[in-house]
């Protein structure tokens, strides 16, 4: 029989990347990024309102939430 743990490859740590529960640190980063994104999303929303002359589908908070949702996981990606 062969030893599958030889060479430092442990099957239980990395063979499958299952869904991990977000930790408190993730929520702190998400909140901070969301708060910073709100003014920029508001400016982008106002510019889109002026340029297109009708209300955009998503408001500034939805846009900031989407941006924070895209940026925060990228920080924690290995």
PDB file of N, CA and C in Angstrom:
ATOM      1  N   UNK A   1       0.826  -1.173   0.000  1.00  0.00           N
ATOM      2  CA  UNK A   1       0.000   0.000   0.000  1.00  0.00           C
ATOM      3  C   UNK A   1       0.878   1.247   0.000  1.00  0.00           C
ATOM      4  N   UNK A   2       0.415   2.295  -0.620  1.00  0.00           N
ATOM      5  CA  UNK A   2       1.212   3.513  -0.661  1.00  0.00           C
ATOM      6  C   UNK A   2       0.660   4.547   0.322  1.00  0.00           C
ATOM      7  N   UNK A   3       1.542   5.398   0.756  1.00  0.00           N
ATOM      8  CA  UNK A   3       1.179   6.453   1.694  1.00  0.00           C
ATOM      9  C   UNK A   3       0.804   7.689   0.885  1.00  0.00           C
ATOM     10  N   UNK A   4      -0.472   8.065   0.902  1.00  0.00           N
ATOM     11  CA  UNK A   4      -0.947   9.203   0.118  1.00  0.00           C
ATOM     12  C   UNK A   4      -0.662  10.534   0.783  1.00  0.00           C
ATOM     13  N   UNK A   5      -0.238  10.516   2.017  1.00  0.00           N
ATOM     14  CA  UNK A   5       0.074  11.771   2.694  1.00  0.00           C
ATOM     15  C   UNK A   5       1.538  12.144   2.553  1.00  0.00           C
ATOM     16  N   UNK A   6       2.324  11.313   1.894  1.00  0.00           N
ATOM     17  CA  UNK A   6       3.736  11.618   1.701  1.00  0.00           C
ATOM     18  C   UNK A   6       3.872  12.812   0.773  1.00  0.00           C
ATOM     19  N   UNK A   7       4.796  13.692   1.080  1.00  0.00           N
ATOM     20  CA  UNK A   7       5.009  14.855   0.239  1.00  0.00           C
ATOM     21  C   UNK A   7       4.161  16.045   0.644  1.00  0.00           C
ATOM     22  N   UNK A   8       3.430  15.938   1.736  1.00  0.00           N
ATOM     23  CA  UNK A   8       2.676  17.065   2.243  1.00  0.00           C
ATOM     24  C   UNK A   8       1.343  17.313   1.573  1.00  0.00           C
ATOM     25  N   UNK A   9       0.871  16.423   0.768  1.00  0.00           N
ATOM     26  CA  UNK A   9      -0.422  16.601   0.106  1.00  0.00           C
ATOM     27  C   UNK A   9      -1.496  15.925   0.936  1.00  0.00           C
ATOM     28  N   UNK A  10      -2.216  16.709   1.687  1.00  0.00           N
ATOM     29  CA  UNK A  10      -3.292  16.181   2.517  1.00  0.00           C
ATOM     30  C   UNK A  10      -4.589  16.312   1.739  1.00  0.00           C
ATOM     31  N   UNK A  11      -5.245  15.218   1.509  1.00  0.00           N
ATOM     32  CA  UNK A  11      -6.442  15.178   0.686  1.00  0.00           C
ATOM     33  C   UNK A  11      -7.582  15.974   1.303  1.00  0.00           C
ATOM     34  N   UNK A  12      -7.650  16.045   2.613  1.00  0.00           N
ATOM     35  CA  UNK A  12      -8.781  16.704   3.258  1.00  0.00           C
ATOM     36  C   UNK A  12      -8.712  18.224   3.185  1.00  0.00           C
ATOM     37  N   UNK A  13      -7.553  18.812   2.837  1.00  0.00           N
ATOM     38  CA  UNK A  13      -7.428  20.267   2.817  1.00  0.00           C
ATOM     39  C   UNK A  13      -7.205  20.784   1.403  1.00  0.00           C
ATOM     40  N   UNK A  14      -8.164  20.749   0.571  1.00  0.00           N
ATOM     41  CA  UNK A  14      -7.983  21.361  -0.728  1.00  0.00           C
ATOM     42  C   UNK A  14      -8.439  20.524  -1.892  1.00  0.00           C
ATOM     43  N   UNK A  15      -8.805  19.295  -1.664  1.00  0.00           N
ATOM     44  CA  UNK A  15      -9.266  18.483  -2.773  1.00  0.00           C
ATOM     45  C   UNK A  15     -10.592  19.023  -3.301  1.00  0.00           C
ATOM     46  N   UNK A  16     -11.413  19.485  -2.397  1.00  0.00           N
ATOM     47  CA  UNK A  16     -12.666  20.100  -2.826  1.00  0.00           C
ATOM     48  C   UNK A  16     -12.810  21.436  -2.123  1.00  0.00           C
ATOM     49  N   UNK A  17     -13.188  22.419  -2.887  1.00  0.00           N
ATOM     50  CA  UNK A  17     -13.404  23.743  -2.331  1.00  0.00           C
ATOM     51  C   UNK A  17     -14.898  23.949  -2.159  1.00  0.00           C
ATOM     52  N   UNK A  18     -15.404  23.491  -1.044  1.00  0.00           N
ATOM     53  CA  UNK A  18     -16.823  23.617  -0.771  1.00  0.00           C
ATOM     54  C   UNK A  18     -17.179  25.030  -0.360  1.00  0.00           C
ATOM     55  N   UNK A  19     -18.444  25.283  -0.195  1.00  0.00           N
ATOM     56  CA  UNK A  19     -18.916  26.594   0.217  1.00  0.00           C
ATOM     57  C   UNK A  19     -18.554  26.816   1.679  1.00  0.00           C
ATOM     58  N   UNK A  20     -17.826  27.898   1.927  1.00  0.00           N
ATOM     59  CA  UNK A  20     -17.435  28.213   3.292  1.00  0.00           C
ATOM     60  C   UNK A  20     -18.364  29.287   3.845  1.00  0.00           C
ATOM     61  N   UNK A  21     -18.643  29.204   5.120  1.00  0.00           N
ATOM     62  CA  UNK A  21     -19.464  30.203   5.772  1.00  0.00           C
ATOM     63  C   UNK A  21     -18.653  31.479   5.939  1.00  0.00           C
ATOM     64  N   UNK A  22     -19.200  32.634   5.522  1.00  0.00           N
ATOM     65  CA  UNK A  22     -18.459  33.886   5.682  1.00  0.00           C
ATOM     66  C   UNK A  22     -18.198  34.185   7.154  1.00  0.00           C
ATOM     67  N   UNK A  23     -17.057  34.718   7.413  1.00  0.00           N
ATOM     68  CA  UNK A  23     -16.667  35.033   8.777  1.00  0.00           C
ATOM     69  C   UNK A  23     -16.924  36.503   9.063  1.00  0.00           C
ATOM     70  N   UNK A  24     -16.734  36.889  10.291  1.00  0.00           N
ATOM     71  CA  UNK A  24     -16.959  38.273  10.712  1.00  0.00           C
ATOM     72  C   UNK A  24     -16.057  39.231   9.935  1.00  0.00           C
ATOM     73  N   UNK A  25     -14.834  38.797   9.645  1.00  0.00           N
ATOM     74  CA  UNK A  25     -13.907  39.653   8.905  1.00  0.00           C
ATOM     75  C   UNK A  25     -14.454  39.986   7.516  1.00  0.00           C
ATOM     76  N   UNK A  26     -15.089  39.007   6.869  1.00  0.00           N
ATOM     77  CA  UNK A  26     -15.698  39.237   5.566  1.00  0.00           C
ATOM     78  C   UNK A  26     -16.767  40.322   5.660  1.00  0.00           C
ATOM     79  N   UNK A  27     -17.603  40.235   6.686  1.00  0.00           N
ATOM     80  CA  UNK A  27     -18.673  41.215   6.850  1.00  0.00           C
ATOM     81  C   UNK A  27     -18.139  42.609   7.174  1.00  0.00           C
ATOM     82  N   UNK A  28     -17.048  42.675   7.909  1.00  0.00           N
ATOM     83  CA  UNK A  28     -16.443  43.978   8.207  1.00  0.00           C
ATOM     84  C   UNK A  28     -15.919  44.614   6.922  1.00  0.00           C
ATOM     85  N   UNK A  29     -15.189  43.838   6.127  1.00  0.00           N
ATOM     86  CA  UNK A  29     -14.675  44.351   4.854  1.00  0.00           C
ATOM     87  C   UNK A  29     -15.821  44.724   3.914  1.00  0.00           C
ATOM     88  N   UNK A  30     -16.840  43.883   3.849  1.00  0.00           N
ATOM     89  CA  UNK A  30     -17.978  44.174   2.987  1.00  0.00           C
ATOM     90  C   UNK A  30     -18.623  45.492   3.393  1.00  0.00           C
ATOM     91  N   UNK A  31     -18.819  45.685   4.687  1.00  0.00           N
ATOM     92  CA  UNK A  31     -19.454  46.911   5.179  1.00  0.00           C
ATOM     93  C   UNK A  31     -18.620  48.146   4.846  1.00  0.00           C
ATOM     94  N   UNK A  32     -17.325  48.047   5.061  1.00  0.00           N
ATOM     95  CA  UNK A  32     -16.460  49.187   4.766  1.00  0.00           C
ATOM     96  C   UNK A  32     -16.444  49.516   3.271  1.00  0.00           C
ATOM     97  N   UNK A  33     -16.337  48.500   2.448  1.00  0.00           N
ATOM     98  CA  UNK A  33     -16.337  48.725   0.998  1.00  0.00           C
ATOM     99  C   UNK A  33     -17.680  49.277   0.553  1.00  0.00           C
ATOM    100  N   UNK A  34     -18.762  48.768   1.120  1.00  0.00           N
ATOM    101  CA  UNK A  34     -20.097  49.260   0.792  1.00  0.00           C
ATOM    102  C   UNK A  34     -20.232  50.740   1.146  1.00  0.00           C
ATOM    103  N   UNK A  35     -19.763  51.128   2.320  1.00  0.00           N
ATOM    104  CA  UNK A  35     -19.854  52.529   2.746  1.00  0.00           C
ATOM    105  C   UNK A  35     -19.015  53.449   1.858  1.00  0.00           C
ATOM    106  N   UNK A  36     -17.858  52.970   1.439  1.00  0.00           N
ATOM    107  CA  UNK A  36     -17.012  53.773   0.553  1.00  0.00           C
ATOM    108  C   UNK A  36     -17.610  53.844  -0.848  1.00  0.00           C
ATOM    109  N   UNK A  37     -18.288  52.794  -1.269  1.00  0.00           N
ATOM    110  CA  UNK A  37     -18.848  52.744  -2.623  1.00  0.00           C
ATOM    111  C   UNK A  37     -20.108  53.591  -2.779  1.00  0.00           C
ATOM    112  N   UNK A  38     -20.801  53.901  -1.696  1.00  0.00           N
ATOM    113  CA  UNK A  38     -22.064  54.641  -1.798  1.00  0.00           C
ATOM    114  C   UNK A  38     -21.891  55.999  -2.484  1.00  0.00           C
ATOM    115  N   UNK A  39     -20.932  56.849  -2.091  1.00  0.00           N
ATOM    116  CA  UNK A  39     -20.812  58.141  -2.788  1.00  0.00           C
ATOM    117  C   UNK A  39     -20.484  58.001  -4.278  1.00  0.00           C
ATOM    118  N   UNK A  40     -19.613  57.052  -4.603  1.00  0.00           N
ATOM    119  CA  UNK A  40     -19.256  56.855  -6.009  1.00  0.00           C
ATOM    120  C   UNK A  40     -20.444  56.317  -6.809  1.00  0.00           C
ATOM    121  N   UNK A  41     -21.182  55.413  -6.207  1.00  0.00           N
ATOM    122  CA  UNK A  41     -22.371  54.871  -6.877  1.00  0.00           C
ATOM    123  C   UNK A  41     -23.431  55.954  -7.053  1.00  0.00           C
ATOM    124  N   UNK A  42     -23.537  56.856  -6.080  1.00  0.00           N
ATOM    125  CA  UNK A  42     -24.490  57.957  -6.195  1.00  0.00           C
ATOM    126  C   UNK A  42     -24.104  58.892  -7.331  1.00  0.00           C
ATOM    127  N   UNK A  43     -22.824  59.207  -7.431  1.00  0.00           N
ATOM    128  CA  UNK A  43     -22.360  60.047  -8.536  1.00  0.00           C
ATOM    129  C   UNK A  43     -22.609  59.379  -9.888  1.00  0.00           C
ATOM    130  N   UNK A  44     -22.308  58.107  -9.983  1.00  0.00           N
ATOM    131  CA  UNK A  44     -22.541  57.379 -11.236  1.00  0.00           C
ATOM    132  C   UNK A  44     -24.027  57.347 -11.563  1.00  0.00           C
ATOM    133  N   UNK A  45     -24.865  57.198 -10.537  1.00  0.00           N
ATOM    134  CA  UNK A  45     -26.316  57.176 -10.744  1.00  0.00           C
ATOM    135  C   UNK A  45     -26.807  58.530 -11.250  1.00  0.00           C
ATOM    136  N   UNK A  46     -26.298  59.621 -10.667  1.00  0.00           N
ATOM    137  CA  UNK A  46     -26.699  60.969 -11.098  1.00  0.00           C
ATOM    138  C   UNK A  46     -26.243  61.219 -12.532  1.00  0.00           C
ATOM    139  N   UNK A  47     -25.016  60.835 -12.862  1.00  0.00           N
ATOM    140  CA  UNK A  47     -24.534  61.012 -14.235  1.00  0.00           C
ATOM    141  C   UNK A  47     -25.357  60.197 -15.222  1.00  0.00           C
ATOM    142  N   UNK A  48     -25.729  58.985 -14.855  1.00  0.00           N
ATOM    143  CA  UNK A  48     -26.572  58.166 -15.729  1.00  0.00           C
ATOM    144  C   UNK A  48     -27.953  58.787 -15.873  1.00  0.00           C
ATOM    145  N   UNK A  49     -28.466  59.370 -14.805  1.00  0.00           N
ATOM    146  CA  UNK A  49     -29.769  60.041 -14.847  1.00  0.00           C
ATOM    147  C   UNK A  49     -29.722  61.232 -15.792  1.00  0.00           C
ATOM    148  N   UNK A  50     -28.663  62.022 -15.715  1.00  0.00           N
ATOM    149  CA  UNK A  50     -28.523  63.189 -16.593  1.00  0.00           C
ATOM    150  C   UNK A  50     -28.307  62.759 -18.037  1.00  0.00           C
ATOM    151  N   UNK A  51     -27.453  61.772 -18.244  1.00  0.00           N
ATOM    152  CA  UNK A  51     -27.100  61.333 -19.595  1.00  0.00           C
ATOM    153  C   UNK A  51     -28.276  60.667 -20.312  1.00  0.00           C
ATOM    154  N   UNK A  52     -28.992  59.790 -19.616  1.00  0.00           N
ATOM    155  CA  UNK A  52     -30.062  59.019 -20.256  1.00  0.00           C
ATOM    156  C   UNK A  52     -31.447  59.650 -20.098  1.00  0.00           C
ATOM    157  N   UNK A  53     -31.563  60.627 -19.210  1.00  0.00           N
ATOM    158  CA  UNK A  53     -32.798  61.377 -18.965  1.00  0.00           C
ATOM    159  C   UNK A  53     -33.969  60.514 -18.517  1.00  0.00           C
ATOM    160  N   UNK A  54     -33.654  59.428 -17.827  1.00  0.00           N
ATOM    161  CA  UNK A  54     -34.678  58.643 -17.136  1.00  0.00           C
ATOM    162  C   UNK A  54     -34.004  57.893 -15.998  1.00  0.00           C
ATOM    163  N   UNK A  55     -34.794  57.454 -15.037  1.00  0.00           N
ATOM    164  CA  UNK A  55     -34.233  56.790 -13.867  1.00  0.00           C
ATOM    165  C   UNK A  55     -33.609  55.455 -14.253  1.00  0.00           C
ATOM    166  N   UNK A  56     -32.372  55.235 -13.816  1.00  0.00           N
ATOM    167  CA  UNK A  56     -31.764  53.918 -14.046  1.00  0.00           C
ATOM    168  C   UNK A  56     -32.542  52.839 -13.292  1.00  0.00           C
ATOM    169  N   UNK A  57     -32.430  51.617 -13.758  1.00  0.00           N
ATOM    170  CA  UNK A  57     -33.171  50.504 -13.168  1.00  0.00           C
ATOM    171  C   UNK A  57     -32.788  50.304 -11.705  1.00  0.00           C
ATOM    172  N   UNK A  58     -31.498  50.344 -11.413  1.00  0.00           N
ATOM    173  CA  UNK A  58     -31.019  50.133 -10.054  1.00  0.00           C
ATOM    174  C   UNK A  58     -30.571  51.460  -9.458  1.00  0.00           C
ATOM    175  N   UNK A  59     -30.915  51.660  -8.208  1.00  0.00           N
ATOM    176  CA  UNK A  59     -30.530  52.874  -7.511  1.00  0.00           C
ATOM    177  C   UNK A  59     -29.088  52.823  -7.039  1.00  0.00           C
ATOM    178  N   UNK A  60     -28.632  53.894  -6.401  1.00  0.00           N
ATOM    179  CA  UNK A  60     -27.238  53.951  -5.970  1.00  0.00           C
ATOM    180  C   UNK A  60     -26.896  52.913  -4.886  1.00  0.00           C
ATOM    181  N   UNK A  61     -27.832  52.590  -4.009  1.00  0.00           N
ATOM    182  CA  UNK A  61     -27.537  51.594  -2.975  1.00  0.00           C
ATOM    183  C   UNK A  61     -27.394  50.197  -3.568  1.00  0.00           C
ATOM    184  N   UNK A  62     -28.222  49.888  -4.539  1.00  0.00           N
ATOM    185  CA  UNK A  62     -28.107  48.582  -5.202  1.00  0.00           C
ATOM    186  C   UNK A  62     -26.788  48.478  -5.951  1.00  0.00           C
ATOM    187  N   UNK A  63     -26.383  49.572  -6.568  1.00  0.00           N
ATOM    188  CA  UNK A  63     -25.115  49.576  -7.293  1.00  0.00           C
ATOM    189  C   UNK A  63     -23.936  49.419  -6.330  1.00  0.00           C
ATOM    190  N   UNK A  64     -23.977  50.125  -5.196  1.00  0.00           N
ATOM    191  CA  UNK A  64     -22.915  50.017  -4.196  1.00  0.00           C
ATOM    192  C   UNK A  64     -22.872  48.614  -3.595  1.00  0.00           C
ATOM    193  N   UNK A  65     -24.046  48.023  -3.379  1.00  0.00           N
ATOM    194  CA  UNK A  65     -24.114  46.669  -2.828  1.00  0.00           C
ATOM    195  C   UNK A  65     -23.483  45.674  -3.802  1.00  0.00           C
ATOM    196  N   UNK A  66     -23.785  45.851  -5.090  1.00  0.00           N
ATOM    197  CA  UNK A  66     -23.237  44.963  -6.117  1.00  0.00           C
ATOM    198  C   UNK A  66     -21.720  45.106  -6.211  1.00  0.00           C
ATOM    199  N   UNK A  67     -21.228  46.336  -6.115  1.00  0.00           N
ATOM    200  CA  UNK A  67     -19.783  46.566  -6.161  1.00  0.00           C
ATOM    201  C   UNK A  67     -19.083  45.935  -4.957  1.00  0.00           C
ATOM    202  N   UNK A  68     -19.658  46.126  -3.775  1.00  0.00           N
ATOM    203  CA  UNK A  68     -19.069  45.528  -2.576  1.00  0.00           C
ATOM    204  C   UNK A  68     -19.125  44.005  -2.656  1.00  0.00           C
ATOM    205  N   UNK A  69     -20.199  43.489  -3.235  1.00  0.00           N
ATOM    206  CA  UNK A  69     -20.334  42.044  -3.399  1.00  0.00           C
ATOM    207  C   UNK A  69     -19.352  41.465  -4.393  1.00  0.00           C
ATOM    208  N   UNK A  70     -18.853  42.289  -5.298  1.00  0.00           N
ATOM    209  CA  UNK A  70     -17.871  41.822  -6.276  1.00  0.00           C
ATOM    210  C   UNK A  70     -16.441  41.978  -5.762  1.00  0.00           C
ATOM    211  N   UNK A  71     -16.188  43.036  -5.011  1.00  0.00           N
ATOM    212  CA  UNK A  71     -14.827  43.334  -4.565  1.00  0.00           C
ATOM    213  C   UNK A  71     -14.426  42.495  -3.363  1.00  0.00           C
ATOM    214  N   UNK A  72     -15.315  42.358  -2.388  1.00  0.00           N
ATOM    215  CA  UNK A  72     -14.960  41.683  -1.138  1.00  0.00           C
ATOM    216  C   UNK A  72     -14.525  40.240  -1.340  1.00  0.00           C
ATOM    217  N   UNK A  73     -15.223  39.412  -2.119  1.00  0.00           N
ATOM    218  CA  UNK A  73     -14.730  38.038  -2.315  1.00  0.00           C
ATOM    219  C   UNK A  73     -13.366  37.988  -3.002  1.00  0.00           C
ATOM    220  N   UNK A  74     -13.076  38.985  -3.832  1.00  0.00           N
ATOM    221  CA  UNK A  74     -11.771  39.015  -4.497  1.00  0.00           C
ATOM    222  C   UNK A  74     -10.643  39.217  -3.494  1.00  0.00           C
ATOM    223  N   UNK A  75     -10.919  39.909  -2.401  1.00  0.00           N
ATOM    224  CA  UNK A  75      -9.916  40.114  -1.369  1.00  0.00           C
ATOM    225  C   UNK A  75      -9.596  38.804  -0.663  1.00  0.00           C
ATOM    226  N   UNK A  76     -10.612  37.982  -0.439  1.00  0.00           N
ATOM    227  CA  UNK A  76     -10.431  36.747   0.320  1.00  0.00           C
ATOM    228  C   UNK A  76     -10.119  35.545  -0.557  1.00  0.00           C
ATOM    229  N   UNK A  77     -10.058  35.717  -1.859  1.00  0.00           N
ATOM    230  CA  UNK A  77      -9.730  34.631  -2.757  1.00  0.00           C
ATOM    231  C   UNK A  77      -8.270  34.241  -2.569  1.00  0.00           C
ATOM    232  N   UNK A  78      -7.975  32.958  -2.441  1.00  0.00           N
ATOM    233  CA  UNK A  78      -6.576  32.547  -2.203  1.00  0.00           C
ATOM    234  C   UNK A  78      -5.682  32.767  -3.394  1.00  0.00           C
TER     235      UNK A  78
END
